[in-house]
Amino acid sequence: MNQWLAAIIAGIVQAIVAILAKRSERSAEDGARRPELRDRLRERVRRKWSGKTLPVIIVLVVLLALPGCGTRTIYVQSGEPVRLRETIRSAKVWVLDQDGKPVAGVMDLPEGWYCLPVPDDVDPGAAGVSK
């Protein structure tokens, strides 16, 4: 039984090798030069890509490339303090009045200050902050 199986597999492998050998033979040759075809194709490309098409493509490529230039985004996990790099004008804040009650206010947050989130264990309603 093993001899029959070996003979069948050998026959299949030989057939596959013969097919692959035939397909790998060189079947192409150099073509004749056809200057009229070359000139016609060049003219066709010039007509298609000249005028408004090429400048529009260049502008689109530049516009697509610009967002990646000079902008860097850093993800800060929730709850982490951050330090302000520049002054933020007219920031809406909660401040405490004389009685200790929260009052909505507006102020400038100076460069270098740290901003911290309200901790989860603090009741936002008690501090006058609503989520």
N, C-alpha and C. Protein backbone atom coordinates (compact mmCIF):
# COMPACT_ATOMS: atom_id res chain seq x y z
N MET A 1 0.82 -1.19 0.00
CA MET A 1 0.00 0.00 0.00
C MET A 1 0.87 1.26 0.00
N ASN A 2 1.96 1.26 0.79
CA ASN A 2 2.86 2.40 0.85
C ASN A 2 3.52 2.66 -0.50
N GLN A 3 3.81 1.59 -1.28
CA GLN A 3 4.44 1.76 -2.60
C GLN A 3 3.48 2.46 -3.55
N TRP A 4 2.21 2.10 -3.48
CA TRP A 4 1.21 2.73 -4.35
C TRP A 4 1.08 4.22 -4.02
N LEU A 5 1.02 4.52 -2.74
CA LEU A 5 0.90 5.91 -2.31
C LEU A 5 2.14 6.71 -2.70
N ALA A 6 3.32 6.14 -2.55
CA ALA A 6 4.56 6.82 -2.94
C ALA A 6 4.59 7.05 -4.43
N ALA A 7 4.13 6.08 -5.23
CA ALA A 7 4.11 6.23 -6.69
C ALA A 7 3.13 7.32 -7.11
N ILE A 8 1.98 7.41 -6.46
CA ILE A 8 0.99 8.44 -6.81
C ILE A 8 1.53 9.82 -6.47
N ILE A 9 2.12 9.97 -5.28
CA ILE A 9 2.68 11.27 -4.88
C ILE A 9 3.82 11.66 -5.79
N ALA A 10 4.69 10.71 -6.17
CA ALA A 10 5.80 11.01 -7.07
C ALA A 10 5.28 11.46 -8.43
N GLY A 11 4.22 10.82 -8.93
CA GLY A 11 3.63 11.22 -10.22
C GLY A 11 3.06 12.63 -10.16
N ILE A 12 2.38 12.96 -9.06
CA ILE A 12 1.80 14.31 -8.91
C ILE A 12 2.91 15.36 -8.83
N VAL A 13 3.95 15.09 -8.07
CA VAL A 13 5.06 16.03 -7.94
C VAL A 13 5.74 16.23 -9.29
N GLN A 14 5.96 15.15 -10.06
CA GLN A 14 6.59 15.27 -11.37
C GLN A 14 5.72 16.10 -12.31
N ALA A 15 4.42 15.94 -12.26
CA ALA A 15 3.52 16.72 -13.13
C ALA A 15 3.58 18.20 -12.76
N ILE A 16 3.58 18.48 -11.47
CA ILE A 16 3.65 19.88 -11.02
C ILE A 16 4.97 20.50 -11.43
N VAL A 17 6.07 19.79 -11.27
CA VAL A 17 7.39 20.30 -11.65
C VAL A 17 7.43 20.56 -13.15
N ALA A 18 6.87 19.68 -13.95
CA ALA A 18 6.86 19.87 -15.41
C ALA A 18 6.05 21.12 -15.79
N ILE A 19 4.92 21.32 -15.14
CA ILE A 19 4.08 22.51 -15.44
C ILE A 19 4.82 23.78 -15.04
N LEU A 20 5.44 23.79 -13.85
CA LEU A 20 6.17 24.98 -13.40
C LEU A 20 7.38 25.26 -14.28
N ALA A 21 8.07 24.23 -14.73
CA ALA A 21 9.23 24.42 -15.61
C ALA A 21 8.80 25.04 -16.93
N LYS A 22 7.67 24.59 -17.47
CA LYS A 22 7.18 25.13 -18.74
C LYS A 22 6.78 26.60 -18.59
N ARG A 23 6.14 26.93 -17.47
CA ARG A 23 5.70 28.32 -17.24
C ARG A 23 6.87 29.25 -16.97
N SER A 24 7.96 28.74 -16.48
CA SER A 24 9.09 29.61 -16.15
C SER A 24 9.99 29.89 -17.35
N GLU A 25 9.72 29.27 -18.49
CA GLU A 25 10.53 29.54 -19.68
C GLU A 25 10.26 30.96 -20.16
N ARG A 26 11.28 31.60 -20.73
CA ARG A 26 11.12 32.95 -21.24
C ARG A 26 10.24 32.93 -22.48
N SER A 27 9.22 33.72 -22.45
CA SER A 27 8.32 33.73 -23.59
C SER A 27 8.15 35.14 -24.18
N ALA A 28 8.87 36.11 -23.63
CA ALA A 28 8.77 37.48 -24.12
C ALA A 28 9.99 37.82 -24.96
N GLU A 29 9.83 38.81 -25.80
CA GLU A 29 10.95 39.27 -26.60
C GLU A 29 10.87 40.79 -26.70
N ASP A 30 11.93 41.40 -27.11
CA ASP A 30 11.96 42.86 -27.24
C ASP A 30 11.03 43.28 -28.36
N GLY A 31 10.25 44.31 -28.08
CA GLY A 31 9.35 44.83 -29.09
C GLY A 31 10.05 45.86 -29.96
N ALA A 32 9.47 46.10 -31.10
CA ALA A 32 10.02 47.11 -32.01
C ALA A 32 9.70 48.50 -31.47
N ARG A 33 10.59 49.44 -31.71
CA ARG A 33 10.35 50.81 -31.28
C ARG A 33 9.23 51.41 -32.12
N ARG A 34 8.35 52.12 -31.40
CA ARG A 34 7.23 52.76 -32.10
C ARG A 34 7.15 54.22 -31.65
N PRO A 35 7.94 55.08 -32.28
CA PRO A 35 7.97 56.48 -31.84
C PRO A 35 6.62 57.18 -31.96
N GLU A 36 5.82 56.82 -32.95
CA GLU A 36 4.51 57.48 -33.10
C GLU A 36 3.60 57.16 -31.90
N LEU A 37 3.67 55.93 -31.41
CA LEU A 37 2.89 55.56 -30.23
C LEU A 37 3.39 56.31 -29.00
N ARG A 38 4.72 56.38 -28.85
CA ARG A 38 5.31 57.10 -27.73
C ARG A 38 4.88 58.56 -27.74
N ASP A 39 4.96 59.21 -28.91
CA ASP A 39 4.58 60.62 -29.01
C ASP A 39 3.09 60.82 -28.72
N ARG A 40 2.27 59.90 -29.20
CA ARG A 40 0.83 60.00 -28.97
C ARG A 40 0.51 59.86 -27.48
N LEU A 41 1.18 58.94 -26.80
CA LEU A 41 0.95 58.76 -25.37
C LEU A 41 1.45 59.96 -24.56
N ARG A 42 2.60 60.51 -24.95
CA ARG A 42 3.11 61.70 -24.25
C ARG A 42 2.15 62.87 -24.40
N GLU A 43 1.63 63.06 -25.58
CA GLU A 43 0.68 64.15 -25.82
C GLU A 43 -0.60 63.94 -25.00
N ARG A 44 -1.03 62.72 -24.91
CA ARG A 44 -2.23 62.41 -24.14
C ARG A 44 -2.02 62.72 -22.65
N VAL A 45 -0.85 62.37 -22.13
CA VAL A 45 -0.54 62.65 -20.73
C VAL A 45 -0.45 64.16 -20.50
N ARG A 46 0.18 64.87 -21.43
CA ARG A 46 0.29 66.33 -21.30
C ARG A 46 -1.09 66.98 -21.28
N ARG A 47 -1.98 66.53 -22.14
CA ARG A 47 -3.32 67.11 -22.18
C ARG A 47 -4.09 66.81 -20.89
N LYS A 48 -3.95 65.60 -20.41
CA LYS A 48 -4.70 65.20 -19.23
C LYS A 48 -4.18 65.87 -17.97
N TRP A 49 -2.86 66.01 -17.80
CA TRP A 49 -2.28 66.51 -16.57
C TRP A 49 -1.88 67.98 -16.63
N SER A 50 -2.09 68.65 -17.73
CA SER A 50 -1.75 70.07 -17.79
C SER A 50 -2.97 70.89 -17.40
N GLY A 51 -2.80 72.18 -17.34
CA GLY A 51 -3.92 73.05 -17.01
C GLY A 51 -4.16 73.09 -15.51
N LYS A 52 -5.41 72.83 -15.13
CA LYS A 52 -5.79 72.96 -13.72
C LYS A 52 -5.59 71.68 -12.92
N THR A 53 -5.46 70.57 -13.56
CA THR A 53 -5.41 69.29 -12.85
C THR A 53 -4.18 69.17 -11.97
N LEU A 54 -3.01 69.43 -12.51
CA LEU A 54 -1.77 69.27 -11.75
C LEU A 54 -1.70 70.22 -10.55
N PRO A 55 -2.00 71.51 -10.70
CA PRO A 55 -1.98 72.40 -9.53
C PRO A 55 -2.98 71.97 -8.44
N VAL A 56 -4.14 71.47 -8.85
CA VAL A 56 -5.13 71.02 -7.87
C VAL A 56 -4.60 69.82 -7.09
N ILE A 57 -3.95 68.90 -7.78
CA ILE A 57 -3.39 67.73 -7.11
C ILE A 57 -2.28 68.15 -6.14
N ILE A 58 -1.44 69.08 -6.56
CA ILE A 58 -0.36 69.55 -5.69
C ILE A 58 -0.94 70.22 -4.45
N VAL A 59 -1.96 71.05 -4.61
CA VAL A 59 -2.58 71.72 -3.46
C VAL A 59 -3.21 70.69 -2.52
N LEU A 60 -3.88 69.68 -3.07
CA LEU A 60 -4.48 68.65 -2.23
C LEU A 60 -3.44 67.87 -1.44
N VAL A 61 -2.33 67.53 -2.09
CA VAL A 61 -1.27 66.79 -1.39
C VAL A 61 -0.69 67.65 -0.27
N VAL A 62 -0.46 68.93 -0.54
CA VAL A 62 0.07 69.82 0.49
C VAL A 62 -0.91 69.96 1.65
N LEU A 63 -2.21 70.11 1.35
CA LEU A 63 -3.21 70.24 2.40
C LEU A 63 -3.31 68.97 3.24
N LEU A 64 -3.16 67.82 2.61
CA LEU A 64 -3.20 66.58 3.35
C LEU A 64 -1.96 66.37 4.21
N ALA A 65 -0.84 66.92 3.77
CA ALA A 65 0.41 66.75 4.51
C ALA A 65 0.56 67.76 5.65
N LEU A 66 -0.08 68.91 5.54
CA LEU A 66 0.09 69.97 6.55
C LEU A 66 -0.36 69.59 7.96
N PRO A 67 -1.47 68.90 8.15
CA PRO A 67 -1.87 68.61 9.53
C PRO A 67 -0.83 67.82 10.31
N GLY A 68 -0.01 67.06 9.64
CA GLY A 68 1.02 66.29 10.34
C GLY A 68 2.25 67.10 10.66
N CYS A 69 2.36 68.32 10.14
CA CYS A 69 3.55 69.13 10.35
C CYS A 69 3.35 70.08 11.52
N GLY A 70 4.18 69.97 12.51
CA GLY A 70 4.19 70.95 13.59
C GLY A 70 3.16 70.74 14.67
N THR A 71 2.25 69.83 14.54
CA THR A 71 1.24 69.61 15.56
C THR A 71 1.53 68.29 16.25
N ARG A 72 1.54 68.34 17.55
CA ARG A 72 1.77 67.12 18.31
C ARG A 72 0.75 67.07 19.43
N THR A 73 0.06 65.96 19.53
CA THR A 73 -0.95 65.78 20.55
C THR A 73 -0.45 64.76 21.56
N ILE A 74 -0.58 65.10 22.82
CA ILE A 74 -0.16 64.19 23.88
C ILE A 74 -1.40 63.86 24.70
N TYR A 75 -1.65 62.59 24.89
CA TYR A 75 -2.80 62.16 25.68
C TYR A 75 -2.44 62.20 27.16
N VAL A 76 -3.25 62.92 27.92
CA VAL A 76 -3.08 62.98 29.37
C VAL A 76 -4.24 62.21 29.99
N GLN A 77 -3.91 61.22 30.79
CA GLN A 77 -4.96 60.40 31.40
C GLN A 77 -5.81 61.24 32.34
N SER A 78 -7.06 60.85 32.46
CA SER A 78 -7.99 61.55 33.33
C SER A 78 -7.48 61.51 34.76
N GLY A 79 -7.54 62.65 35.43
CA GLY A 79 -7.11 62.71 36.82
C GLY A 79 -5.68 63.17 37.01
N GLU A 80 -4.92 63.32 35.93
CA GLU A 80 -3.54 63.76 36.03
C GLU A 80 -3.46 65.29 36.02
N PRO A 81 -2.62 65.89 36.87
CA PRO A 81 -2.47 67.34 36.83
C PRO A 81 -1.68 67.77 35.58
N VAL A 82 -1.99 68.95 35.09
CA VAL A 82 -1.25 69.51 33.95
C VAL A 82 -0.79 70.92 34.31
N ARG A 83 0.32 71.33 33.74
CA ARG A 83 0.85 72.68 33.97
C ARG A 83 0.58 73.50 32.72
N LEU A 84 0.06 74.71 32.91
CA LEU A 84 -0.28 75.56 31.77
C LEU A 84 0.98 76.12 31.13
N ARG A 85 1.05 76.01 29.83
CA ARG A 85 2.21 76.49 29.08
C ARG A 85 2.07 77.96 28.72
N GLU A 86 0.83 78.43 28.59
CA GLU A 86 0.63 79.85 28.31
C GLU A 86 -0.63 80.31 29.04
N THR A 87 -0.75 81.59 29.24
CA THR A 87 -1.87 82.15 29.98
C THR A 87 -3.17 81.92 29.21
N ILE A 88 -4.19 81.50 29.96
CA ILE A 88 -5.52 81.31 29.37
C ILE A 88 -6.39 82.47 29.81
N ARG A 89 -6.84 83.25 28.86
CA ARG A 89 -7.63 84.44 29.14
C ARG A 89 -9.11 84.08 29.28
N SER A 90 -9.79 84.73 30.23
CA SER A 90 -11.23 84.61 30.45
C SER A 90 -11.68 83.16 30.65
N ALA A 91 -10.97 82.43 31.51
CA ALA A 91 -11.37 81.06 31.82
C ALA A 91 -12.55 81.09 32.79
N LYS A 92 -13.54 80.27 32.55
CA LYS A 92 -14.71 80.19 33.43
C LYS A 92 -14.35 79.28 34.61
N VAL A 93 -14.44 79.83 35.83
CA VAL A 93 -14.03 79.09 37.02
C VAL A 93 -15.11 79.21 38.09
N TRP A 94 -15.02 78.31 39.08
CA TRP A 94 -15.84 78.40 40.28
C TRP A 94 -14.95 78.95 41.40
N VAL A 95 -15.43 80.00 42.07
CA VAL A 95 -14.71 80.56 43.21
C VAL A 95 -15.65 80.60 44.41
N LEU A 96 -15.09 80.64 45.62
CA LEU A 96 -15.90 80.70 46.83
C LEU A 96 -16.04 82.14 47.29
N ASP A 97 -17.27 82.53 47.66
CA ASP A 97 -17.48 83.90 48.15
C ASP A 97 -17.18 83.97 49.64
N GLN A 98 -17.54 85.06 50.33
CA GLN A 98 -17.22 85.26 51.74
C GLN A 98 -17.87 84.21 52.63
N ASP A 99 -19.03 83.71 52.21
CA ASP A 99 -19.75 82.72 53.00
C ASP A 99 -19.31 81.30 52.67
N GLY A 100 -18.39 81.13 51.72
CA GLY A 100 -17.91 79.80 51.34
C GLY A 100 -18.79 79.12 50.30
N LYS A 101 -19.70 79.89 49.71
CA LYS A 101 -20.56 79.33 48.68
C LYS A 101 -19.89 79.52 47.31
N PRO A 102 -20.00 78.50 46.44
CA PRO A 102 -19.39 78.63 45.11
C PRO A 102 -20.14 79.63 44.23
N VAL A 103 -19.37 80.44 43.52
CA VAL A 103 -19.91 81.45 42.62
C VAL A 103 -19.17 81.32 41.28
N ALA A 104 -19.92 81.40 40.18
CA ALA A 104 -19.30 81.35 38.86
C ALA A 104 -18.49 82.62 38.65
N GLY A 105 -17.29 82.47 38.11
CA GLY A 105 -16.44 83.61 37.87
C GLY A 105 -15.62 83.44 36.60
N VAL A 106 -14.97 84.52 36.21
CA VAL A 106 -14.11 84.51 35.03
C VAL A 106 -12.78 85.11 35.45
N MET A 107 -11.69 84.46 35.07
CA MET A 107 -10.36 84.97 35.41
C MET A 107 -9.33 84.50 34.39
N ASP A 108 -8.17 85.12 34.42
CA ASP A 108 -7.05 84.67 33.59
C ASP A 108 -6.25 83.66 34.39
N LEU A 109 -5.95 82.51 33.79
CA LEU A 109 -5.11 81.50 34.44
C LEU A 109 -3.69 81.71 33.92
N PRO A 110 -2.77 82.15 34.81
CA PRO A 110 -1.42 82.49 34.35
C PRO A 110 -0.58 81.28 33.94
N GLU A 111 0.35 81.55 33.08
CA GLU A 111 1.31 80.53 32.66
C GLU A 111 2.03 79.97 33.88
N GLY A 112 2.20 78.64 33.90
CA GLY A 112 2.91 78.00 34.99
C GLY A 112 2.02 77.44 36.08
N TRP A 113 0.75 77.85 36.12
CA TRP A 113 -0.16 77.30 37.11
C TRP A 113 -0.48 75.85 36.77
N TYR A 114 -0.83 75.08 37.80
CA TYR A 114 -1.25 73.70 37.60
C TYR A 114 -2.76 73.62 37.63
N CYS A 115 -3.32 72.78 36.79
CA CYS A 115 -4.76 72.52 36.78
C CYS A 115 -4.97 71.10 37.25
N LEU A 116 -5.88 70.94 38.20
CA LEU A 116 -6.16 69.63 38.76
C LEU A 116 -7.64 69.31 38.60
N PRO A 117 -8.00 68.06 38.41
CA PRO A 117 -9.41 67.69 38.31
C PRO A 117 -10.04 67.61 39.69
N VAL A 118 -11.37 67.63 39.72
CA VAL A 118 -12.08 67.44 40.97
C VAL A 118 -11.99 65.95 41.29
N PRO A 119 -11.51 65.58 42.49
CA PRO A 119 -11.38 64.16 42.84
C PRO A 119 -12.74 63.46 42.84
N ASP A 120 -12.73 62.16 42.59
CA ASP A 120 -13.97 61.38 42.52
C ASP A 120 -14.69 61.31 43.87
N ASP A 121 -13.93 61.38 44.96
CA ASP A 121 -14.55 61.25 46.28
C ASP A 121 -15.20 62.56 46.75
N VAL A 122 -15.00 63.67 46.01
CA VAL A 122 -15.61 64.95 46.37
C VAL A 122 -16.95 65.04 45.68
N ASP A 123 -17.97 65.46 46.42
CA ASP A 123 -19.32 65.61 45.86
C ASP A 123 -19.36 66.89 45.02
N PRO A 124 -19.55 66.78 43.69
CA PRO A 124 -19.55 67.99 42.86
C PRO A 124 -20.65 68.96 43.24
N GLY A 125 -21.80 68.46 43.72
CA GLY A 125 -22.91 69.34 44.11
C GLY A 125 -22.55 70.19 45.32
N ALA A 126 -21.75 69.65 46.22
CA ALA A 126 -21.36 70.40 47.42
C ALA A 126 -20.41 71.53 47.07
N ALA A 127 -19.61 71.32 46.02
CA ALA A 127 -18.65 72.35 45.63
C ALA A 127 -19.28 73.32 44.63
N GLY A 128 -20.54 73.08 44.26
CA GLY A 128 -21.19 73.96 43.31
C GLY A 128 -20.86 73.63 41.89
N VAL A 129 -20.26 72.48 41.64
CA VAL A 129 -19.88 72.06 40.29
C VAL A 129 -20.86 70.99 39.85
N SER A 130 -21.40 71.11 38.69
CA SER A 130 -22.31 70.06 38.19
C SER A 130 -21.64 69.32 37.05
N LYS A 131 -21.81 68.04 37.06
CA LYS A 131 -21.19 67.22 35.99
C LYS A 131 -22.06 67.19 34.79
